[in-house]
Amino acid sequence: MIPALFVAFAALLVGCSLMVVLHRNPVTSALFLVLAFCSLAGIYLLLHAEFVAMVQVIVYAGAIMVLFLFVVMYLNLKRDVEHGVHLALRRGAGWILGALLLAEGVWLFGHRWAAGPVSPGEVLSAPGGNTQAIGQVLYTRYLFPFEITSILLLVAMVGAVVIAKGRGPHARRAAPADTTPDPQGPA
């Protein structure tokens, strides 16, 4: 079962990666990139790296791609207007995918419901797993690089705020150079 899932996730990852590069519409390319990130998270789950998989989904598929889509939408390229067959096909595929996700959620919820409730003692006695191991290594062996990275990100955020604030409506603008001709002629 696991080799079949690995092949499926790998094929989806390669296919979505090709669509990111080959598609002309930047918004559609970004959505294929989100799907590629999610398939990579599936591969991480198969490798029992749950923490890395969730970070992959939350950070890359969530935050980074939302920022990328905001930039693409801000540029307003006006090349993403579709109608007719393309719109109907995309809507149909969206409804089918939504129905499949809803059916899977109902099935998982029903399966969990049939298994019965989990007692709080079982949840508390479960080991930390790889998330605990990553946390211990990160905050002991790699504490200094972790702190340097956090300071670097803080400086980058402050720099972005300063640059963005300088472009606001109250920002000083340099006075244009005086281009009026001199009435007495060139000196």
Protein backbone atom coordinates (compact mmCIF):
# COMPACT_ATOMS: atom_id res chain seq x y z
CA MET A 1 0.00 0.00 0.00
CA ILE A 2 2.75 2.47 0.93
CA PRO A 3 4.78 1.98 -2.29
CA ALA A 4 1.60 2.60 -4.31
CA LEU A 5 0.91 5.80 -2.35
CA PHE A 6 4.50 6.90 -2.82
CA VAL A 7 4.27 6.38 -6.59
CA ALA A 8 0.95 8.26 -6.68
CA PHE A 9 2.29 11.21 -4.67
CA ALA A 10 5.51 11.28 -6.70
CA ALA A 11 3.62 11.21 -10.01
CA LEU A 12 1.34 14.01 -8.78
CA LEU A 13 4.36 16.02 -7.66
CA VAL A 14 6.14 15.65 -10.99
CA GLY A 15 2.98 16.41 -12.98
CA CYS A 16 2.16 19.51 -10.93
CA SER A 17 5.75 20.71 -11.13
CA LEU A 18 5.64 20.45 -14.91
CA MET A 19 2.34 22.35 -14.98
CA VAL A 20 3.86 25.12 -12.84
CA VAL A 21 6.60 25.61 -15.41
CA LEU A 22 4.57 25.03 -18.57
CA HIS A 23 1.32 26.89 -17.80
CA ARG A 24 0.98 30.41 -19.14
CA ASN A 25 -1.40 31.77 -16.50
CA PRO A 26 0.51 32.76 -13.31
CA VAL A 27 -2.49 32.23 -11.02
CA THR A 28 -3.02 28.70 -12.33
CA SER A 29 0.71 28.03 -12.01
CA ALA A 30 0.56 29.15 -8.38
CA LEU A 31 -2.36 26.81 -7.71
CA PHE A 32 -0.45 23.92 -9.28
CA LEU A 33 2.46 24.85 -7.01
CA VAL A 34 0.15 24.58 -3.98
CA LEU A 35 -0.89 21.11 -5.16
CA ALA A 36 2.78 20.17 -5.62
CA PHE A 37 3.54 21.34 -2.07
CA CYS A 38 0.65 19.26 -0.72
CA SER A 39 1.80 16.15 -2.60
CA LEU A 40 5.29 16.67 -1.17
CA ALA A 41 3.71 16.85 2.28
CA GLY A 42 2.05 13.51 1.51
CA ILE A 43 5.45 12.02 0.75
CA TYR A 44 6.74 13.38 4.06
CA LEU A 45 3.82 11.72 5.82
CA LEU A 46 4.72 8.40 4.22
CA LEU A 47 8.24 8.83 5.63
CA HIS A 48 6.76 9.37 9.14
CA ALA A 49 7.91 13.00 9.22
CA GLU A 50 4.61 14.46 10.38
CA PHE A 51 6.08 17.71 11.66
CA VAL A 52 7.88 18.46 8.39
CA ALA A 53 4.71 17.62 6.45
CA MET A 54 2.59 20.03 8.47
CA VAL A 55 5.22 22.76 8.23
CA GLN A 56 5.29 22.17 4.47
CA VAL A 57 1.53 22.70 4.24
CA ILE A 58 1.28 25.59 6.69
CA VAL A 59 4.35 27.58 5.67
CA TYR A 60 4.75 26.89 1.98
CA ALA A 61 1.29 25.97 0.71
CA GLY A 62 -0.34 28.40 3.11
CA ALA A 63 1.65 31.52 3.80
CA ILE A 64 4.17 31.70 0.94
CA MET A 65 1.66 30.89 -1.78
CA VAL A 66 -0.88 33.36 -0.39
CA LEU A 67 1.77 36.06 -0.57
CA PHE A 68 2.69 34.98 -4.09
CA LEU A 69 -0.96 35.06 -5.18
CA PHE A 70 -1.41 38.53 -3.64
CA VAL A 71 1.55 39.78 -5.68
CA VAL A 72 0.19 38.22 -8.87
CA MET A 73 -3.26 39.66 -8.22
CA TYR A 74 -1.76 43.04 -7.36
CA LEU A 75 0.00 43.12 -10.72
CA ASN A 76 -3.41 42.55 -12.38
CA LEU A 77 -2.11 40.92 -15.54
CA LYS A 78 -5.67 40.58 -16.99
CA ARG A 79 -4.74 37.35 -18.74
CA ASP A 80 -6.78 35.09 -16.50
CA VAL A 81 -10.24 35.84 -17.91
CA GLU A 82 -11.82 32.63 -19.12
CA HIS A 83 -15.30 31.82 -20.33
CA GLY A 84 -17.25 29.11 -22.09
CA VAL A 85 -15.94 25.55 -22.03
CA HIS A 86 -12.87 26.34 -19.89
CA LEU A 87 -15.00 27.92 -17.17
CA ALA A 88 -17.52 25.06 -17.19
CA LEU A 89 -14.74 22.47 -17.10
CA ARG A 90 -13.02 24.15 -14.16
CA ARG A 91 -16.26 24.55 -12.26
CA GLY A 92 -17.17 20.92 -12.87
CA ALA A 93 -13.74 19.74 -11.73
CA GLY A 94 -14.02 21.94 -8.64
CA TRP A 95 -17.43 20.54 -7.72
CA ILE A 96 -16.23 16.96 -8.24
CA LEU A 97 -13.10 17.55 -6.13
CA GLY A 98 -15.17 19.26 -3.44
CA ALA A 99 -17.62 16.33 -3.35
CA LEU A 100 -14.74 13.85 -3.09
CA LEU A 101 -13.18 15.81 -0.22
CA LEU A 102 -16.54 16.02 1.55
CA ALA A 103 -17.11 12.27 1.12
CA GLU A 104 -13.62 11.54 2.46
CA GLY A 105 -14.22 13.79 5.46
CA VAL A 106 -17.55 12.10 6.20
CA TRP A 107 -15.93 8.67 5.85
CA LEU A 108 -13.03 9.59 8.15
CA PHE A 109 -15.38 11.13 10.70
CA GLY A 110 -17.62 8.03 10.60
CA HIS A 111 -14.61 5.73 10.94
CA ARG A 112 -13.35 7.72 13.91
CA TRP A 113 -16.85 7.79 15.43
CA ALA A 114 -17.18 4.00 15.09
CA ALA A 115 -13.83 3.49 16.86
CA GLY A 116 -15.20 5.19 19.97
CA PRO A 117 -13.85 8.11 21.98
CA VAL A 118 -10.24 8.32 23.04
CA SER A 119 -9.66 8.67 26.77
CA PRO A 120 -7.58 11.66 27.90
CA GLY A 121 -5.07 9.32 29.55
CA GLU A 122 -4.25 7.70 26.21
CA VAL A 123 -3.59 11.06 24.58
CA LEU A 124 -1.34 12.27 27.39
CA SER A 125 0.68 9.07 27.54
CA ALA A 126 1.51 9.10 23.83
CA PRO A 127 5.20 9.82 23.13
CA GLY A 128 6.22 13.10 21.51
CA GLY A 129 7.56 11.42 18.41
CA ASN A 130 9.67 13.22 15.87
CA THR A 131 8.25 16.65 16.75
CA GLN A 132 9.73 16.38 20.23
CA ALA A 133 13.04 15.15 18.81
CA ILE A 134 13.20 18.07 16.37
CA GLY A 135 12.42 20.52 19.18
CA GLN A 136 15.11 19.10 21.45
CA VAL A 137 17.78 19.21 18.73
CA LEU A 138 16.69 22.67 17.56
CA TYR A 139 16.81 24.24 21.01
CA THR A 140 19.99 22.53 22.21
CA ARG A 141 22.43 21.76 19.42
CA TYR A 142 21.24 24.37 16.91
CA LEU A 143 20.16 27.14 19.29
CA PHE A 144 22.66 29.74 18.02
CA PRO A 145 21.79 29.35 14.28
CA PHE A 146 18.10 29.38 15.23
CA GLU A 147 18.51 32.68 17.09
CA ILE A 148 20.57 34.22 14.26
CA THR A 149 17.86 33.23 11.78
CA SER A 150 15.16 34.80 13.95
CA ILE A 151 17.16 38.06 14.22
CA LEU A 152 17.72 38.07 10.46
CA LEU A 153 13.99 37.62 9.83
CA LEU A 154 13.17 40.39 12.31
CA VAL A 155 15.57 42.78 10.54
CA ALA A 156 14.02 41.85 7.18
CA MET A 157 10.51 42.58 8.51
CA VAL A 158 11.56 45.94 9.92
CA GLY A 159 13.25 46.79 6.60
CA ALA A 160 10.11 45.85 4.66
CA VAL A 161 7.98 48.06 6.95
CA VAL A 162 10.39 50.98 6.55
CA ILE A 163 10.43 50.61 2.76
CA ALA A 164 6.63 50.28 2.58
CA LYS A 165 6.11 53.26 4.87
CA GLY A 166 8.34 55.38 2.65
CA ARG A 167 6.03 54.75 -0.31
CA GLY A 168 2.85 55.92 1.39
CA PRO A 169 0.88 59.09 0.53
CA HIS A 170 2.73 61.13 3.16
CA ALA A 171 6.17 60.12 1.94
CA ARG A 172 8.54 62.85 0.93
CA ARG A 173 9.20 63.04 -2.71
CA ALA A 174 12.33 64.51 -4.16
CA ALA A 175 11.75 67.83 -5.82
CA PRO A 176 11.95 67.53 -9.58
CA ALA A 177 15.02 68.97 -11.16
CA ASP A 178 14.58 72.50 -12.46
CA THR A 179 14.26 72.04 -16.21
CA THR A 180 13.15 75.56 -17.11
CA PRO A 181 15.54 77.22 -19.50
CA ASP A 182 17.74 79.97 -18.13
CA PRO A 183 16.55 83.36 -19.57
CA GLN A 184 20.14 84.59 -19.93
CA GLY A 185 21.18 81.56 -21.97
CA PRO A 186 23.91 79.06 -21.31
CA ALA A 187 26.83 80.29 -19.28
